[in-house]
Amino acid sequence: MDLDREKAFAERLAQLRMRAGISARDMSLSMGQSQGYINKIENLQNLPSMCGFFYICDYLKITPMEFFDETLTDPRRIRGIEEKLKKLSEKQLAAVEQLIDAMLEPM
């Protein structure tokens, strides 16, 4: 793995962790690792194993695909909204779609 990819991985982990409001130390300890485990990954001193990566995703409640999709700034929130959208009627979905369209229009 080249340094740019390692750096991108570390930055994405930090972004997702901070978005979830979790300290690196708390995340490390909650995962059963040493208190510096996540810090070492984020500071490019270490990389997780595949098993460790899957556990990181589980801990953050995201899929591996969501981890690498940088267009998703808050995958957990988006998935939660998606679940709520599934419960709406056709009329309600149309209203939400109009609202989103209006929010995305350039000012």
PDB file of N, CA and C in Angstrom:
ATOM      1  N   MET A   1       0.855  -1.175   0.000  1.00  0.00           N
ATOM      2  CA  MET A   1       0.000   0.000   0.000  1.00  0.00           C
ATOM      3  C   MET A   1       0.896   1.232   0.000  1.00  0.00           C
ATOM      4  N   ASP A   2       0.602   2.185  -0.851  1.00  0.00           N
ATOM      5  CA  ASP A   2       1.451   3.369  -0.883  1.00  0.00           C
ATOM      6  C   ASP A   2       1.018   4.381   0.178  1.00  0.00           C
ATOM      7  N   LEU A   3       1.878   5.325   0.426  1.00  0.00           N
ATOM      8  CA  LEU A   3       1.656   6.293   1.495  1.00  0.00           C
ATOM      9  C   LEU A   3       0.392   7.116   1.289  1.00  0.00           C
ATOM     10  N   ASP A   4       0.076   7.480   0.052  1.00  0.00           N
ATOM     11  CA  ASP A   4      -1.140   8.263  -0.202  1.00  0.00           C
ATOM     12  C   ASP A   4      -2.384   7.485   0.194  1.00  0.00           C
ATOM     13  N   ARG A   5      -2.403   6.196  -0.095  1.00  0.00           N
ATOM     14  CA  ARG A   5      -3.565   5.374   0.267  1.00  0.00           C
ATOM     15  C   ARG A   5      -3.645   5.191   1.772  1.00  0.00           C
ATOM     16  N   GLU A   6      -2.500   4.987   2.397  1.00  0.00           N
ATOM     17  CA  GLU A   6      -2.491   4.860   3.859  1.00  0.00           C
ATOM     18  C   GLU A   6      -2.990   6.144   4.507  1.00  0.00           C
ATOM     19  N   LYS A   7      -2.532   7.278   3.976  1.00  0.00           N
ATOM     20  CA  LYS A   7      -2.955   8.573   4.514  1.00  0.00           C
ATOM     21  C   LYS A   7      -4.456   8.773   4.320  1.00  0.00           C
ATOM     22  N   ALA A   8      -4.968   8.410   3.150  1.00  0.00           N
ATOM     23  CA  ALA A   8      -6.406   8.539   2.874  1.00  0.00           C
ATOM     24  C   ALA A   8      -7.209   7.655   3.833  1.00  0.00           C
ATOM     25  N   PHE A   9      -6.713   6.450   4.087  1.00  0.00           N
ATOM     26  CA  PHE A   9      -7.375   5.539   5.021  1.00  0.00           C
ATOM     27  C   PHE A   9      -7.414   6.152   6.422  1.00  0.00           C
ATOM     28  N   ALA A  10      -6.268   6.636   6.864  1.00  0.00           N
ATOM     29  CA  ALA A  10      -6.171   7.221   8.203  1.00  0.00           C
ATOM     30  C   ALA A  10      -7.067   8.446   8.348  1.00  0.00           C
ATOM     31  N   GLU A  11      -7.090   9.298   7.334  1.00  0.00           N
ATOM     32  CA  GLU A  11      -7.928  10.501   7.377  1.00  0.00           C
ATOM     33  C   GLU A  11      -9.406  10.146   7.397  1.00  0.00           C
ATOM     34  N   ARG A  12      -9.783   9.128   6.616  1.00  0.00           N
ATOM     35  CA  ARG A  12     -11.185   8.715   6.584  1.00  0.00           C
ATOM     36  C   ARG A  12     -11.595   8.145   7.931  1.00  0.00           C
ATOM     37  N   LEU A  13     -10.742   7.347   8.529  1.00  0.00           N
ATOM     38  CA  LEU A  13     -11.035   6.798   9.849  1.00  0.00           C
ATOM     39  C   LEU A  13     -11.233   7.927  10.856  1.00  0.00           C
ATOM     40  N   ALA A  14     -10.333   8.893  10.859  1.00  0.00           N
ATOM     41  CA  ALA A  14     -10.453  10.017  11.790  1.00  0.00           C
ATOM     42  C   ALA A  14     -11.743  10.800  11.542  1.00  0.00           C
ATOM     43  N   GLN A  15     -12.063  11.029  10.276  1.00  0.00           N
ATOM     44  CA  GLN A  15     -13.289  11.764   9.933  1.00  0.00           C
ATOM     45  C   GLN A  15     -14.526  11.043  10.469  1.00  0.00           C
ATOM     46  N   LEU A  16     -14.616   9.760  10.194  1.00  0.00           N
ATOM     47  CA  LEU A  16     -15.788   8.996  10.627  1.00  0.00           C
ATOM     48  C   LEU A  16     -15.857   8.878  12.148  1.00  0.00           C
ATOM     49  N   ARG A  17     -14.720   8.688  12.769  1.00  0.00           N
ATOM     50  CA  ARG A  17     -14.687   8.576  14.233  1.00  0.00           C
ATOM     51  C   ARG A  17     -15.126   9.871  14.886  1.00  0.00           C
ATOM     52  N   MET A  18     -14.578  10.985  14.405  1.00  0.00           N
ATOM     53  CA  MET A  18     -14.936  12.284  14.990  1.00  0.00           C
ATOM     54  C   MET A  18     -16.399  12.628  14.713  1.00  0.00           C
ATOM     55  N   ARG A  19     -16.892  12.290  13.513  1.00  0.00           N
ATOM     56  CA  ARG A  19     -18.291  12.535  13.177  1.00  0.00           C
ATOM     57  C   ARG A  19     -19.205  11.798  14.153  1.00  0.00           C
ATOM     58  N   ALA A  20     -18.762  10.606  14.595  1.00  0.00           N
ATOM     59  CA  ALA A  20     -19.534   9.812  15.546  1.00  0.00           C
ATOM     60  C   ALA A  20     -19.345  10.308  16.986  1.00  0.00           C
ATOM     61  N   GLY A  21     -18.421  11.254  17.183  1.00  0.00           N
ATOM     62  CA  GLY A  21     -18.202  11.816  18.515  1.00  0.00           C
ATOM     63  C   GLY A  21     -17.476  10.876  19.462  1.00  0.00           C
ATOM     64  N   ILE A  22     -16.562  10.080  18.922  1.00  0.00           N
ATOM     65  CA  ILE A  22     -15.852   9.087  19.714  1.00  0.00           C
ATOM     66  C   ILE A  22     -14.371   9.457  19.766  1.00  0.00           C
ATOM     67  N   SER A  23     -13.776   9.388  20.945  1.00  0.00           N
ATOM     68  CA  SER A  23     -12.341   9.640  21.041  1.00  0.00           C
ATOM     69  C   SER A  23     -11.587   8.409  20.546  1.00  0.00           C
ATOM     70  N   ALA A  24     -10.384   8.636  20.063  1.00  0.00           N
ATOM     71  CA  ALA A  24      -9.555   7.529  19.583  1.00  0.00           C
ATOM     72  C   ALA A  24      -9.288   6.542  20.723  1.00  0.00           C
ATOM     73  N   ARG A  25      -9.038   7.071  21.903  1.00  0.00           N
ATOM     74  CA  ARG A  25      -8.757   6.217  23.060  1.00  0.00           C
ATOM     75  C   ARG A  25      -9.962   5.354  23.404  1.00  0.00           C
ATOM     76  N   ASP A  26     -11.149   5.972  23.495  1.00  0.00           N
ATOM     77  CA  ASP A  26     -12.353   5.212  23.830  1.00  0.00           C
ATOM     78  C   ASP A  26     -12.656   4.148  22.776  1.00  0.00           C
ATOM     79  N   MET A  27     -12.464   4.503  21.517  1.00  0.00           N
ATOM     80  CA  MET A  27     -12.716   3.536  20.452  1.00  0.00           C
ATOM     81  C   MET A  27     -11.753   2.356  20.570  1.00  0.00           C
ATOM     82  N   SER A  28     -10.493   2.658  20.791  1.00  0.00           N
ATOM     83  CA  SER A  28      -9.488   1.600  20.941  1.00  0.00           C
ATOM     84  C   SER A  28      -9.845   0.653  22.075  1.00  0.00           C
ATOM     85  N   LEU A  29     -10.142   1.212  23.230  1.00  0.00           N
ATOM     86  CA  LEU A  29     -10.440   0.393  24.399  1.00  0.00           C
ATOM     87  C   LEU A  29     -11.746  -0.381  24.215  1.00  0.00           C
ATOM     88  N   SER A  30     -12.748   0.242  23.591  1.00  0.00           N
ATOM     89  CA  SER A  30     -14.019  -0.441  23.343  1.00  0.00           C
ATOM     90  C   SER A  30     -13.862  -1.610  22.388  1.00  0.00           C
ATOM     91  N   MET A  31     -12.856  -1.527  21.533  1.00  0.00           N
ATOM     92  CA  MET A  31     -12.587  -2.606  20.588  1.00  0.00           C
ATOM     93  C   MET A  31     -11.695  -3.685  21.195  1.00  0.00           C
ATOM     94  N   GLY A  32     -11.311  -3.504  22.461  1.00  0.00           N
ATOM     95  CA  GLY A  32     -10.462  -4.484  23.124  1.00  0.00           C
ATOM     96  C   GLY A  32      -8.992  -4.369  22.752  1.00  0.00           C
ATOM     97  N   GLN A  33      -8.610  -3.200  22.282  1.00  0.00           N
ATOM     98  CA  GLN A  33      -7.228  -2.964  21.865  1.00  0.00           C
ATOM     99  C   GLN A  33      -6.530  -2.067  22.889  1.00  0.00           C
ATOM    100  N   SER A  34      -5.243  -1.848  22.685  1.00  0.00           N
ATOM    101  CA  SER A  34      -4.514  -0.927  23.557  1.00  0.00           C
ATOM    102  C   SER A  34      -5.062   0.475  23.335  1.00  0.00           C
ATOM    103  N   GLN A  35      -4.847   1.350  24.311  1.00  0.00           N
ATOM    104  CA  GLN A  35      -5.441   2.686  24.222  1.00  0.00           C
ATOM    105  C   GLN A  35      -4.932   3.497  23.034  1.00  0.00           C
ATOM    106  N   GLY A  36      -3.780   3.156  22.472  1.00  0.00           N
ATOM    107  CA  GLY A  36      -3.230   3.907  21.352  1.00  0.00           C
ATOM    108  C   GLY A  36      -3.482   3.286  19.984  1.00  0.00           C
ATOM    109  N   TYR A  37      -4.274   2.208  19.929  1.00  0.00           N
ATOM    110  CA  TYR A  37      -4.488   1.477  18.681  1.00  0.00           C
ATOM    111  C   TYR A  37      -4.990   2.376  17.547  1.00  0.00           C
ATOM    112  N   ILE A  38      -6.062   3.089  17.760  1.00  0.00           N
ATOM    113  CA  ILE A  38      -6.642   3.938  16.707  1.00  0.00           C
ATOM    114  C   ILE A  38      -5.711   5.115  16.407  1.00  0.00           C
ATOM    115  N   ASN A  39      -5.110   5.698  17.432  1.00  0.00           N
ATOM    116  CA  ASN A  39      -4.154   6.790  17.202  1.00  0.00           C
ATOM    117  C   ASN A  39      -3.014   6.354  16.298  1.00  0.00           C
ATOM    118  N   LYS A  40      -2.515   5.155  16.507  1.00  0.00           N
ATOM    119  CA  LYS A  40      -1.414   4.661  15.679  1.00  0.00           C
ATOM    120  C   LYS A  40      -1.847   4.497  14.223  1.00  0.00           C
ATOM    121  N   ILE A  41      -3.077   4.084  13.999  1.00  0.00           N
ATOM    122  CA  ILE A  41      -3.584   3.971  12.623  1.00  0.00           C
ATOM    123  C   ILE A  41      -3.731   5.364  12.017  1.00  0.00           C
ATOM    124  N   GLU A  42      -4.329   6.272  12.771  1.00  0.00           N
ATOM    125  CA  GLU A  42      -4.556   7.625  12.260  1.00  0.00           C
ATOM    126  C   GLU A  42      -3.260   8.405  12.061  1.00  0.00           C
ATOM    127  N   ASN A  43      -2.214   8.044  12.782  1.00  0.00           N
ATOM    128  CA  ASN A  43      -0.922   8.719  12.644  1.00  0.00           C
ATOM    129  C   ASN A  43       0.045   7.958  11.735  1.00  0.00           C
ATOM    130  N   LEU A  44      -0.501   7.026  10.959  1.00  0.00           N
ATOM    131  CA  LEU A  44       0.257   6.269   9.951  1.00  0.00           C
ATOM    132  C   LEU A  44       1.380   5.421  10.538  1.00  0.00           C
ATOM    133  N   GLN A  45       1.235   5.033  11.789  1.00  0.00           N
ATOM    134  CA  GLN A  45       2.234   4.180  12.416  1.00  0.00           C
ATOM    135  C   GLN A  45       1.874   2.699  12.310  1.00  0.00           C
ATOM    136  N   ASN A  46       0.614   2.428  11.941  1.00  0.00           N
ATOM    137  CA  ASN A  46       0.139   1.060  11.890  1.00  0.00           C
ATOM    138  C   ASN A  46      -1.065   0.992  10.963  1.00  0.00           C
ATOM    139  N   LEU A  47      -1.351  -0.197  10.452  1.00  0.00           N
ATOM    140  CA  LEU A  47      -2.558  -0.456   9.683  1.00  0.00           C
ATOM    141  C   LEU A  47      -3.293  -1.615  10.338  1.00  0.00           C
ATOM    142  N   PRO A  48      -4.620  -1.608  10.319  1.00  0.00           N
ATOM    143  CA  PRO A  48      -5.333  -2.745  10.904  1.00  0.00           C
ATOM    144  C   PRO A  48      -5.267  -3.955   9.970  1.00  0.00           C
ATOM    145  N   SER A  49      -5.426  -5.120  10.542  1.00  0.00           N
ATOM    146  CA  SER A  49      -5.599  -6.328   9.725  1.00  0.00           C
ATOM    147  C   SER A  49      -6.976  -6.235   9.065  1.00  0.00           C
ATOM    148  N   MET A  50      -7.258  -7.137   8.161  1.00  0.00           N
ATOM    149  CA  MET A  50      -8.594  -7.151   7.552  1.00  0.00           C
ATOM    150  C   MET A  50      -9.655  -7.359   8.624  1.00  0.00           C
ATOM    151  N   CYS A  51      -9.393  -8.270   9.537  1.00  0.00           N
ATOM    152  CA  CYS A  51     -10.325  -8.516  10.628  1.00  0.00           C
ATOM    153  C   CYS A  51     -10.505  -7.249  11.460  1.00  0.00           C
ATOM    154  N   GLY A  52      -9.400  -6.564  11.739  1.00  0.00           N
ATOM    155  CA  GLY A  52      -9.456  -5.308  12.486  1.00  0.00           C
ATOM    156  C   GLY A  52     -10.252  -4.247  11.745  1.00  0.00           C
ATOM    157  N   PHE A  53     -10.077  -4.175  10.422  1.00  0.00           N
ATOM    158  CA  PHE A  53     -10.829  -3.214   9.619  1.00  0.00           C
ATOM    159  C   PHE A  53     -12.327  -3.499   9.702  1.00  0.00           C
ATOM    160  N   PHE A  54     -12.710  -4.775   9.586  1.00  0.00           N
ATOM    161  CA  PHE A  54     -14.128  -5.111   9.670  1.00  0.00           C
ATOM    162  C   PHE A  54     -14.682  -4.770  11.058  1.00  0.00           C
ATOM    163  N   TYR A  55     -13.873  -4.966  12.082  1.00  0.00           N
ATOM    164  CA  TYR A  55     -14.316  -4.629  13.434  1.00  0.00           C
ATOM    165  C   TYR A  55     -14.458  -3.112  13.587  1.00  0.00           C
ATOM    166  N   ILE A  56     -13.570  -2.353  12.978  1.00  0.00           N
ATOM    167  CA  ILE A  56     -13.689  -0.891  12.985  1.00  0.00           C
ATOM    168  C   ILE A  56     -15.013  -0.485  12.339  1.00  0.00           C
ATOM    169  N   CYS A  57     -15.320  -1.082  11.201  1.00  0.00           N
ATOM    170  CA  CYS A  57     -16.588  -0.776  10.524  1.00  0.00           C
ATOM    171  C   CYS A  57     -17.780  -1.147  11.395  1.00  0.00           C
ATOM    172  N   ASP A  58     -17.729  -2.329  12.003  1.00  0.00           N
ATOM    173  CA  ASP A  58     -18.809  -2.738  12.900  1.00  0.00           C
ATOM    174  C   ASP A  58     -18.958  -1.748  14.052  1.00  0.00           C
ATOM    175  N   TYR A  59     -17.838  -1.352  14.615  1.00  0.00           N
ATOM    176  CA  TYR A  59     -17.869  -0.412  15.742  1.00  0.00           C
ATOM    177  C   TYR A  59     -18.509   0.912  15.327  1.00  0.00           C
ATOM    178  N   LEU A  60     -18.177   1.396  14.128  1.00  0.00           N
ATOM    179  CA  LEU A  60     -18.726   2.656  13.638  1.00  0.00           C
ATOM    180  C   LEU A  60     -20.124   2.491  13.052  1.00  0.00           C
ATOM    181  N   LYS A  61     -20.593   1.250  12.985  1.00  0.00           N
ATOM    182  CA  LYS A  61     -21.916   0.919  12.447  1.00  0.00           C
ATOM    183  C   LYS A  61     -22.059   1.346  10.987  1.00  0.00           C
ATOM    184  N   ILE A  62     -21.010   1.037  10.216  1.00  0.00           N
ATOM    185  CA  ILE A  62     -21.010   1.311   8.784  1.00  0.00           C
ATOM    186  C   ILE A  62     -20.511   0.073   8.052  1.00  0.00           C
ATOM    187  N   THR A  63     -20.767   0.028   6.763  1.00  0.00           N
ATOM    188  CA  THR A  63     -20.256  -1.082   5.958  1.00  0.00           C
ATOM    189  C   THR A  63     -18.872  -0.710   5.436  1.00  0.00           C
ATOM    190  N   PRO A  64     -18.071  -1.708   5.033  1.00  0.00           N
ATOM    191  CA  PRO A  64     -16.782  -1.389   4.411  1.00  0.00           C
ATOM    192  C   PRO A  64     -16.941  -0.485   3.180  1.00  0.00           C
ATOM    193  N   MET A  65     -18.006  -0.704   2.414  1.00  0.00           N
ATOM    194  CA  MET A  65     -18.239   0.136   1.249  1.00  0.00           C
ATOM    195  C   MET A  65     -18.486   1.594   1.666  1.00  0.00           C
ATOM    196  N   GLU A  66     -19.234   1.787   2.739  1.00  0.00           N
ATOM    197  CA  GLU A  66     -19.482   3.148   3.231  1.00  0.00           C
ATOM    198  C   GLU A  66     -18.189   3.775   3.749  1.00  0.00           C
ATOM    199  N   PHE A  67     -17.317   2.959   4.333  1.00  0.00           N
ATOM    200  CA  PHE A  67     -16.048   3.487   4.818  1.00  0.00           C
ATOM    201  C   PHE A  67     -15.273   4.141   3.682  1.00  0.00           C
ATOM    202  N   PHE A  68     -15.224   3.486   2.538  1.00  0.00           N
ATOM    203  CA  PHE A  68     -14.416   3.985   1.428  1.00  0.00           C
ATOM    204  C   PHE A  68     -15.145   4.967   0.515  1.00  0.00           C
ATOM    205  N   ASP A  69     -16.446   5.164   0.716  1.00  0.00           N
ATOM    206  CA  ASP A  69     -17.202   6.107  -0.113  1.00  0.00           C
ATOM    207  C   ASP A  69     -17.089   7.502   0.496  1.00  0.00           C
ATOM    208  N   GLU A  70     -16.141   8.274  -0.003  1.00  0.00           N
ATOM    209  CA  GLU A  70     -15.869   9.598   0.555  1.00  0.00           C
ATOM    210  C   GLU A  70     -16.970  10.616   0.283  1.00  0.00           C
ATOM    211  N   THR A  71     -17.931  10.277  -0.590  1.00  0.00           N
ATOM    212  CA  THR A  71     -19.064  11.184  -0.820  1.00  0.00           C
ATOM    213  C   THR A  71     -20.042  11.122   0.346  1.00  0.00           C
ATOM    214  N   LEU A  72     -19.933  10.105   1.179  1.00  0.00           N
ATOM    215  CA  LEU A  72     -20.796   9.969   2.349  1.00  0.00           C
ATOM    216  C   LEU A  72     -20.088  10.569   3.560  1.00  0.00           C
ATOM    217  N   THR A  73     -20.449  11.781   3.901  1.00  0.00           N
ATOM    218  CA  THR A  73     -19.788  12.410   5.046  1.00  0.00           C
ATOM    219  C   THR A  73     -20.274  11.841   6.370  1.00  0.00           C
ATOM    220  N   ASP A  74     -21.514  11.348   6.395  1.00  0.00           N
ATOM    221  CA  ASP A  74     -22.069  10.770   7.622  1.00  0.00           C
ATOM    222  C   ASP A  74     -22.920   9.553   7.256  1.00  0.00           C
ATOM    223  N   PRO A  75     -22.265   8.419   6.951  1.00  0.00           N
ATOM    224  CA  PRO A  75     -22.999   7.249   6.469  1.00  0.00           C
ATOM    225  C   PRO A  75     -24.083   6.747   7.412  1.00  0.00           C
ATOM    226  N   ARG A  76     -23.843   6.795   8.716  1.00  0.00           N
ATOM    227  CA  ARG A  76     -24.858   6.323   9.669  1.00  0.00           C
ATOM    228  C   ARG A  76     -26.115   7.171   9.574  1.00  0.00           C
ATOM    229  N   ARG A  77     -25.948   8.461   9.496  1.00  0.00           N
ATOM    230  CA  ARG A  77     -27.108   9.357   9.421  1.00  0.00           C
ATOM    231  C   ARG A  77     -27.863   9.147   8.116  1.00  0.00           C
ATOM    232  N   ILE A  78     -27.133   9.020   7.027  1.00  0.00           N
ATOM    233  CA  ILE A  78     -27.772   8.815   5.724  1.00  0.00           C
ATOM    234  C   ILE A  78     -28.560   7.514   5.718  1.00  0.00           C
ATOM    235  N   ARG A  79     -27.983   6.444   6.277  1.00  0.00           N
ATOM    236  CA  ARG A  79     -28.693   5.177   6.336  1.00  0.00           C
ATOM    237  C   ARG A  79     -29.944   5.298   7.203  1.00  0.00           C
ATOM    238  N   GLY A  80     -29.850   6.040   8.297  1.00  0.00           N
ATOM    239  CA  GLY A  80     -31.017   6.254   9.159  1.00  0.00           C
ATOM    240  C   GLY A  80     -32.123   7.005   8.433  1.00  0.00           C
ATOM    241  N   ILE A  81     -31.741   8.021   7.660  1.00  0.00           N
ATOM    242  CA  ILE A  81     -32.727   8.771   6.885  1.00  0.00           C
ATOM    243  C   ILE A  81     -33.351   7.865   5.831  1.00  0.00           C
ATOM    244  N   GLU A  82     -32.521   7.055   5.197  1.00  0.00           N
ATOM    245  CA  GLU A  82     -33.018   6.127   4.176  1.00  0.00           C
ATOM    246  C   GLU A  82     -34.061   5.176   4.771  1.00  0.00           C
ATOM    247  N   GLU A  83     -33.805   4.677   5.974  1.00  0.00           N
ATOM    248  CA  GLU A  83     -34.766   3.778   6.624  1.00  0.00           C
ATOM    249  C   GLU A  83     -36.085   4.500   6.889  1.00  0.00           C
ATOM    250  N   LYS A  84     -36.017   5.756   7.277  1.00  0.00           N
ATOM    251  CA  LYS A  84     -37.240   6.528   7.513  1.00  0.00           C
ATOM    252  C   LYS A  84     -37.982   6.783   6.205  1.00  0.00           C
ATOM    253  N   LEU A  85     -37.237   7.058   5.136  1.00  0.00           N
ATOM    254  CA  LEU A  85     -37.864   7.305   3.839  1.00  0.00           C
ATOM    255  C   LEU A  85     -38.659   6.101   3.360  1.00  0.00           C
ATOM    256  N   LYS A  86     -38.193   4.912   3.673  1.00  0.00           N
ATOM    257  CA  LYS A  86     -38.877   3.694   3.250  1.00  0.00           C
ATOM    258  C   LYS A  86     -40.274   3.577   3.844  1.00  0.00           C
ATOM    259  N   LYS A  87     -40.518   4.275   4.933  1.00  0.00           N
ATOM    260  CA  LYS A  87     -41.808   4.201   5.624  1.00  0.00           C
ATOM    261  C   LYS A  87     -42.809   5.242   5.130  1.00  0.00           C
ATOM    262  N   LEU A  88     -42.374   6.139   4.246  1.00  0.00           N
ATOM    263  CA  LEU A  88     -43.248   7.214   3.785  1.00  0.00           C
ATOM    264  C   LEU A  88     -44.141   6.766   2.644  1.00  0.00           C
ATOM    265  N   SER A  89     -45.277   7.447   2.540  1.00  0.00           N
ATOM    266  CA  SER A  89     -46.186   7.198   1.422  1.00  0.00           C
ATOM    267  C   SER A  89     -45.626   7.845   0.155  1.00  0.00           C
ATOM    268  N   GLU A  90     -46.217   7.538  -0.967  1.00  0.00           N
ATOM    269  CA  GLU A  90     -45.783   8.123  -2.234  1.00  0.00           C
ATOM    270  C   GLU A  90     -45.899   9.646  -2.186  1.00  0.00           C
ATOM    271  N   LYS A  91     -46.968  10.149  -1.616  1.00  0.00           N
ATOM    272  CA  LYS A  91     -47.183  11.601  -1.510  1.00  0.00           C
ATOM    273  C   LYS A  91     -46.117  12.240  -0.616  1.00  0.00           C
ATOM    274  N   GLN A  92     -45.802  11.595   0.486  1.00  0.00           N
ATOM    275  CA  GLN A  92     -44.778  12.113   1.393  1.00  0.00           C
ATOM    276  C   GLN A  92     -43.397  12.088   0.730  1.00  0.00           C
ATOM    277  N   LEU A  93     -43.103  11.014  -0.009  1.00  0.00           N
ATOM    278  CA  LEU A  93     -41.828  10.927  -0.724  1.00  0.00           C
ATOM    279  C   LEU A  93     -41.700  12.046  -1.749  1.00  0.00           C
ATOM    280  N   ALA A  94     -42.786  12.352  -2.443  1.00  0.00           N
ATOM    281  CA  ALA A  94     -42.770  13.427  -3.436  1.00  0.00           C
ATOM    282  C   ALA A  94     -42.472  14.766  -2.760  1.00  0.00           C
ATOM    283  N   ALA A  95     -43.051  14.977  -1.581  1.00  0.00           N
ATOM    284  CA  ALA A  95     -42.813  16.228  -0.844  1.00  0.00           C
ATOM    285  C   ALA A  95     -41.354  16.323  -0.403  1.00  0.00           C
ATOM    286  N   VAL A  96     -40.798  15.218   0.083  1.00  0.00           N
ATOM    287  CA  VAL A  96     -39.396  15.205   0.498  1.00  0.00           C
ATOM    288  C   VAL A  96     -38.492  15.453  -0.701  1.00  0.00           C
ATOM    289  N   GLU A  97     -38.820  14.842  -1.832  1.00  0.00           N
ATOM    290  CA  GLU A  97     -38.029  15.030  -3.047  1.00  0.00           C
ATOM    291  C   GLU A  97     -38.045  16.493  -3.492  1.00  0.00           C
ATOM    292  N   GLN A  98     -39.198  17.130  -3.411  1.00  0.00           N
ATOM    293  CA  GLN A  98     -39.292  18.556  -3.766  1.00  0.00           C
ATOM    294  C   GLN A  98     -38.441  19.403  -2.824  1.00  0.00           C
ATOM    295  N   LEU A  99     -38.477  19.088  -1.561  1.00  0.00           N
ATOM    296  CA  LEU A  99     -37.680  19.824  -0.580  1.00  0.00           C
ATOM    297  C   LEU A  99     -36.194  19.673  -0.873  1.00  0.00           C
ATOM    298  N   ILE A 100     -35.778  18.454  -1.153  1.00  0.00           N
ATOM    299  CA  ILE A 100     -34.363  18.213  -1.461  1.00  0.00           C
ATOM    300  C   ILE A 100     -33.957  18.964  -2.731  1.00  0.00           C
ATOM    301  N   ASP A 101     -34.792  18.893  -3.765  1.00  0.00           N
ATOM    302  CA  ASP A 101     -34.515  19.606  -5.008  1.00  0.00           C
ATOM    303  C   ASP A 101     -34.352  21.107  -4.758  1.00  0.00           C
ATOM    304  N   ALA A 102     -35.228  21.659  -3.933  1.00  0.00           N
ATOM    305  CA  ALA A 102     -35.154  23.087  -3.614  1.00  0.00           C
ATOM    306  C   ALA A 102     -33.881  23.423  -2.846  1.00  0.00           C
ATOM    307  N   MET A 103     -33.466  22.532  -1.965  1.00  0.00           N
ATOM    308  CA  MET A 103     -32.246  22.764  -1.184  1.00  0.00           C
ATOM    309  C   MET A 103     -30.996  22.685  -2.054  1.00  0.00           C
ATOM    310  N   LEU A 104     -31.054  21.909  -3.124  1.00  0.00           N
ATOM    311  CA  LEU A 104     -29.891  21.722  -3.988  1.00  0.00           C
ATOM    312  C   LEU A 104     -29.796  22.762  -5.096  1.00  0.00           C
ATOM    313  N   GLU A 105     -30.843  23.558  -5.278  1.00  0.00           N
ATOM    314  CA  GLU A 105     -30.800  24.590  -6.318  1.00  0.00           C
ATOM    315  C   GLU A 105     -29.760  25.644  -5.955  1.00  0.00           C
ATOM    316  N   PRO A 106     -29.009  26.086  -6.950  1.00  0.00           N
ATOM    317  CA  PRO A 106     -28.028  27.142  -6.660  1.00  0.00           C
ATOM    318  C   PRO A 106     -28.743  28.428  -6.277  1.00  0.00           C
ATOM    319  N   MET A 107     -28.148  29.146  -5.372  1.00  0.00           N
ATOM    320  CA  MET A 107     -28.755  30.410  -4.901  1.00  0.00           C
ATOM    321  C   MET A 107     -28.358  31.558  -5.783  1.00  0.00           C
TER     322      MET A 107
END
